[in-house]
Amino acid sequence: MHRSIRAGVLRLCGALVAALISGPAFAASLEVAPTKLVIDGKSGSATLSLANRGTVPIIVQLEGFIWEQKDGKDVLTPTDSVLVSPPMARIPPGGKQTVRIMARGDAKPGVERTFRLFASELPDPSTNEARTIRVLLQFNVPVFVNTPVVAAPQLAWEAQSGDKGLVLNARNLGRAHTKFTKVEVVTPSGRRLATTQGVPYVLAG
């Protein structure tokens, strides 16, 4: 699969924030760890830790999506191939909840499967929030299943000049995902044309 990376443009992937408007505000309280899940053939599962750092109970819903990349963009499709137990949890103030994640379905030997797990904080109908601003967090956690033990990145690069600047197309010909901390575009003379940090994942295939 391939990704298009526009030089000089930083794209950030992280928590999505929504707010219910009117009245005083309460700080966001949901914490999720780790920020990436890997499920191998031996364990068959992984665990996610949810923590409530706030002063009121929170409700968290977890949903799995197939994660693909087409035409340089992420494509997410709802799926029941990701088993989450429990799929929803009510966490008291200062409390924690451990969630077990499993992947089902046929897997090709040596071929990585990729999913995204959304952990979404929902309004709690048992609390009086009608006249408050409640910041609700949604965490998007990458899930990698059956990643080959030895899978060196095999990337093919192509540079194109467009109306909005230089566009780099990266195609991953390997068997597993790859991710960069930084990409630099440098001329043969050593002049740096652009630097982009926070480069997204490039999936295999």
Protein backbone atom coordinates (compact mmCIF):
# COMPACT_ATOMS: atom_id res chain seq x y z
CA MET A 1 0.00 0.00 0.00
CA HIS A 2 1.12 3.56 -0.39
CA ARG A 3 0.82 6.90 1.29
CA SER A 4 1.16 10.40 -0.12
CA ILE A 5 3.24 12.70 2.06
CA ARG A 6 3.11 16.38 1.23
CA ALA A 7 6.42 17.98 2.11
CA GLY A 8 6.15 20.74 4.68
CA VAL A 9 2.72 19.64 5.91
CA LEU A 10 2.42 17.99 9.29
CA ARG A 11 -0.46 15.63 9.81
CA LEU A 12 -1.19 14.60 13.34
CA CYS A 13 -3.09 11.45 14.24
CA GLY A 14 -4.34 11.17 17.79
CA ALA A 15 -7.32 11.68 20.03
CA LEU A 16 -10.44 13.22 18.55
CA VAL A 17 -12.28 15.63 20.82
CA ALA A 18 -15.99 16.41 20.86
CA ALA A 19 -17.82 18.73 23.24
CA LEU A 20 -21.39 19.05 24.45
CA ILE A 21 -22.04 22.80 24.61
CA SER A 22 -23.38 25.05 27.45
CA GLY A 23 -22.38 25.73 31.04
CA PRO A 24 -19.16 25.09 33.03
CA ALA A 25 -16.48 22.73 31.69
CA PHE A 26 -14.99 19.50 33.03
CA ALA A 27 -11.54 18.28 31.97
CA ALA A 28 -11.17 15.17 29.85
CA SER A 29 -10.46 12.14 32.02
CA LEU A 30 -9.95 9.04 29.83
CA GLU A 31 -6.46 7.59 29.44
CA VAL A 32 -5.62 4.67 27.14
CA ALA A 33 -2.44 2.55 27.12
CA PRO A 34 -0.61 1.33 25.16
CA THR A 35 -1.00 3.47 22.04
CA LYS A 36 -0.28 0.49 19.75
CA LEU A 37 -1.36 -3.14 20.03
CA VAL A 38 0.49 -6.15 18.60
CA ILE A 39 -1.17 -9.58 18.56
CA ASP A 40 1.15 -12.47 17.68
CA GLY A 41 0.39 -16.08 16.91
CA LYS A 42 1.54 -17.34 20.30
CA SER A 43 -0.53 -15.20 22.65
CA GLY A 44 -3.49 -14.70 20.31
CA SER A 45 -4.54 -11.61 22.21
CA ALA A 46 -3.44 -8.28 23.66
CA THR A 47 -4.65 -6.11 26.51
CA LEU A 48 -5.60 -2.45 26.63
CA SER A 49 -5.74 -0.45 29.85
CA LEU A 50 -8.41 2.23 30.34
CA ALA A 51 -8.11 4.68 33.22
CA ASN A 52 -10.43 7.36 34.55
CA ARG A 53 -8.40 10.29 35.89
CA GLY A 54 -11.45 12.46 36.45
CA THR A 55 -13.87 13.03 39.30
CA VAL A 56 -17.01 11.55 37.73
CA PRO A 57 -17.73 8.09 36.27
CA ILE A 58 -17.17 7.60 32.53
CA ILE A 59 -18.57 5.16 29.97
CA VAL A 60 -16.21 3.86 27.28
CA GLN A 61 -17.24 1.98 24.14
CA LEU A 62 -14.74 0.00 22.04
CA GLU A 63 -15.15 -0.83 18.35
CA GLY A 64 -12.88 -2.53 15.82
CA PHE A 65 -12.34 -1.60 12.17
CA ILE A 66 -10.42 -3.20 9.31
CA TRP A 67 -7.63 -0.78 8.39
CA GLU A 68 -6.59 -0.49 4.75
CA GLN A 69 -4.96 2.19 2.61
CA LYS A 70 -6.23 3.14 -0.84
CA ASP A 71 -5.07 6.03 -3.01
CA GLY A 72 -2.89 7.33 -0.21
CA LYS A 73 -5.69 7.49 2.37
CA ASP A 74 -6.74 5.36 5.33
CA VAL A 75 -9.92 3.35 4.79
CA LEU A 76 -11.72 1.99 7.86
CA THR A 77 -14.44 -0.66 7.61
CA PRO A 78 -16.49 -1.87 10.60
CA THR A 79 -15.76 -5.51 11.38
CA ASP A 80 -16.57 -8.28 13.84
CA SER A 81 -13.11 -9.80 13.31
CA VAL A 82 -11.85 -7.82 16.31
CA LEU A 83 -13.21 -9.29 19.53
CA VAL A 84 -13.25 -6.93 22.50
CA SER A 85 -14.02 -8.05 26.05
CA PRO A 86 -15.74 -6.15 27.49
CA PRO A 87 -16.92 -4.01 24.52
CA MET A 88 -18.22 -1.34 26.90
CA ALA A 89 -17.19 -0.35 30.40
CA ARG A 90 -18.28 2.08 33.10
CA ILE A 91 -15.21 3.24 35.02
CA PRO A 92 -15.52 5.04 38.38
CA PRO A 93 -13.36 8.05 39.28
CA GLY A 94 -9.77 6.93 39.76
CA GLY A 95 -10.63 3.46 38.47
CA LYS A 96 -9.15 1.27 35.75
CA GLN A 97 -10.47 -1.32 33.32
CA THR A 98 -8.43 -3.94 31.47
CA VAL A 99 -9.79 -4.89 28.05
CA ARG A 100 -8.74 -8.01 26.14
CA ILE A 101 -8.43 -7.75 22.35
CA MET A 102 -8.46 -10.78 20.04
CA ALA A 103 -8.56 -11.17 16.25
CA ARG A 104 -10.46 -13.95 14.53
CA GLY A 105 -10.67 -15.11 10.95
CA ASP A 106 -8.28 -16.84 8.58
CA ALA A 107 -4.79 -15.38 8.43
CA LYS A 108 -2.29 -16.03 5.66
CA PRO A 109 1.09 -17.21 6.98
CA GLY A 110 3.63 -14.40 7.01
CA VAL A 111 1.06 -11.73 6.10
CA GLU A 112 0.30 -8.96 8.57
CA ARG A 113 -3.31 -7.98 9.29
CA THR A 114 -4.12 -4.43 10.34
CA PHE A 115 -7.01 -3.00 12.32
CA ARG A 116 -7.94 0.15 14.21
CA LEU A 117 -9.56 0.08 17.63
CA PHE A 118 -11.64 3.08 18.68
CA ALA A 119 -12.07 3.75 22.40
CA SER A 120 -14.83 6.35 22.65
CA GLU A 121 -16.00 8.10 25.79
CA LEU A 122 -19.81 8.36 25.87
CA PRO A 123 -22.11 10.68 27.84
CA ASP A 124 -23.19 9.12 31.13
CA PRO A 125 -26.99 9.44 31.48
CA SER A 126 -26.76 8.80 35.23
CA THR A 127 -24.87 12.06 35.84
CA ASN A 128 -26.32 15.57 35.68
CA GLU A 129 -24.49 16.98 32.63
CA ALA A 130 -27.37 18.79 30.97
CA ARG A 131 -25.91 22.21 31.75
CA THR A 132 -22.20 21.44 31.48
CA ILE A 133 -19.55 21.29 28.79
CA ARG A 134 -18.31 17.72 28.81
CA VAL A 135 -15.18 16.99 26.77
CA LEU A 136 -15.43 13.49 25.33
CA LEU A 137 -12.32 11.77 24.02
CA GLN A 138 -11.98 9.19 21.27
CA PHE A 139 -8.70 7.29 20.96
CA ASN A 140 -7.72 5.58 17.71
CA VAL A 141 -5.34 2.69 18.45
CA PRO A 142 -3.57 0.76 15.65
CA VAL A 143 -3.73 -3.04 15.98
CA PHE A 144 -1.24 -5.27 14.16
CA VAL A 145 -1.88 -9.01 13.92
CA ASN A 146 0.47 -11.79 12.79
CA THR A 147 3.37 -9.44 12.06
CA PRO A 148 6.30 -11.45 10.62
CA VAL A 149 9.24 -11.75 13.02
CA VAL A 150 11.71 -10.77 10.31
CA ALA A 151 10.15 -8.20 8.01
CA ALA A 152 12.54 -5.54 6.75
CA PRO A 153 10.82 -2.52 5.14
CA GLN A 154 10.80 -2.49 1.34
CA LEU A 155 9.79 0.98 0.24
CA ALA A 156 9.47 2.40 -3.25
CA TRP A 157 9.51 6.22 -3.44
CA GLU A 158 8.21 8.55 -6.10
CA ALA A 159 8.33 12.37 -6.06
CA GLN A 160 5.80 14.50 -7.92
CA SER A 161 5.52 18.26 -8.24
CA GLY A 162 2.00 19.61 -7.81
CA ASP A 163 0.17 22.91 -7.37
CA LYS A 164 0.57 22.71 -3.59
CA GLY A 165 4.21 21.66 -3.54
CA LEU A 166 6.22 18.46 -3.65
CA VAL A 167 4.36 15.21 -3.00
CA LEU A 168 6.19 12.02 -2.03
CA ASN A 169 4.49 8.71 -2.74
CA ALA A 170 5.75 5.83 -0.60
CA ARG A 171 4.73 2.27 -1.48
CA ASN A 172 5.43 -0.52 0.99
CA LEU A 173 6.38 -3.69 -0.88
CA GLY A 174 7.25 -5.59 2.30
CA ARG A 175 5.22 -7.90 4.53
CA ALA A 176 4.73 -5.57 7.49
CA HIS A 177 3.91 -1.94 8.23
CA THR A 178 6.50 0.76 8.63
CA LYS A 179 6.46 4.19 10.26
CA PHE A 180 8.84 7.12 10.15
CA THR A 181 9.66 9.73 12.76
CA LYS A 182 10.79 12.17 10.08
CA VAL A 183 11.16 12.46 6.29
CA GLU A 184 13.58 14.94 4.70
CA VAL A 185 13.83 15.97 1.05
CA VAL A 186 17.44 16.86 0.19
CA THR A 187 19.02 17.86 -3.14
CA PRO A 188 22.20 16.13 -4.41
CA SER A 189 24.15 19.19 -3.23
CA GLY A 190 22.84 18.70 0.31
CA ARG A 191 20.28 21.52 0.38
CA ARG A 192 17.26 20.59 2.47
CA LEU A 193 14.03 21.30 0.59
CA ALA A 194 11.55 20.13 3.20
CA THR A 195 11.21 18.23 6.44
CA THR A 196 8.04 16.49 7.57
CA GLN A 197 7.61 14.97 11.02
CA GLY A 198 4.81 12.83 12.34
CA VAL A 199 4.65 10.81 9.12
CA PRO A 200 1.78 8.29 9.20
CA TYR A 201 2.04 4.52 8.96
CA VAL A 202 2.62 2.92 5.57
CA LEU A 203 0.91 -0.48 5.50
CA ALA A 204 2.22 -3.50 3.63
CA GLY A 205 0.79 -4.63 0.33
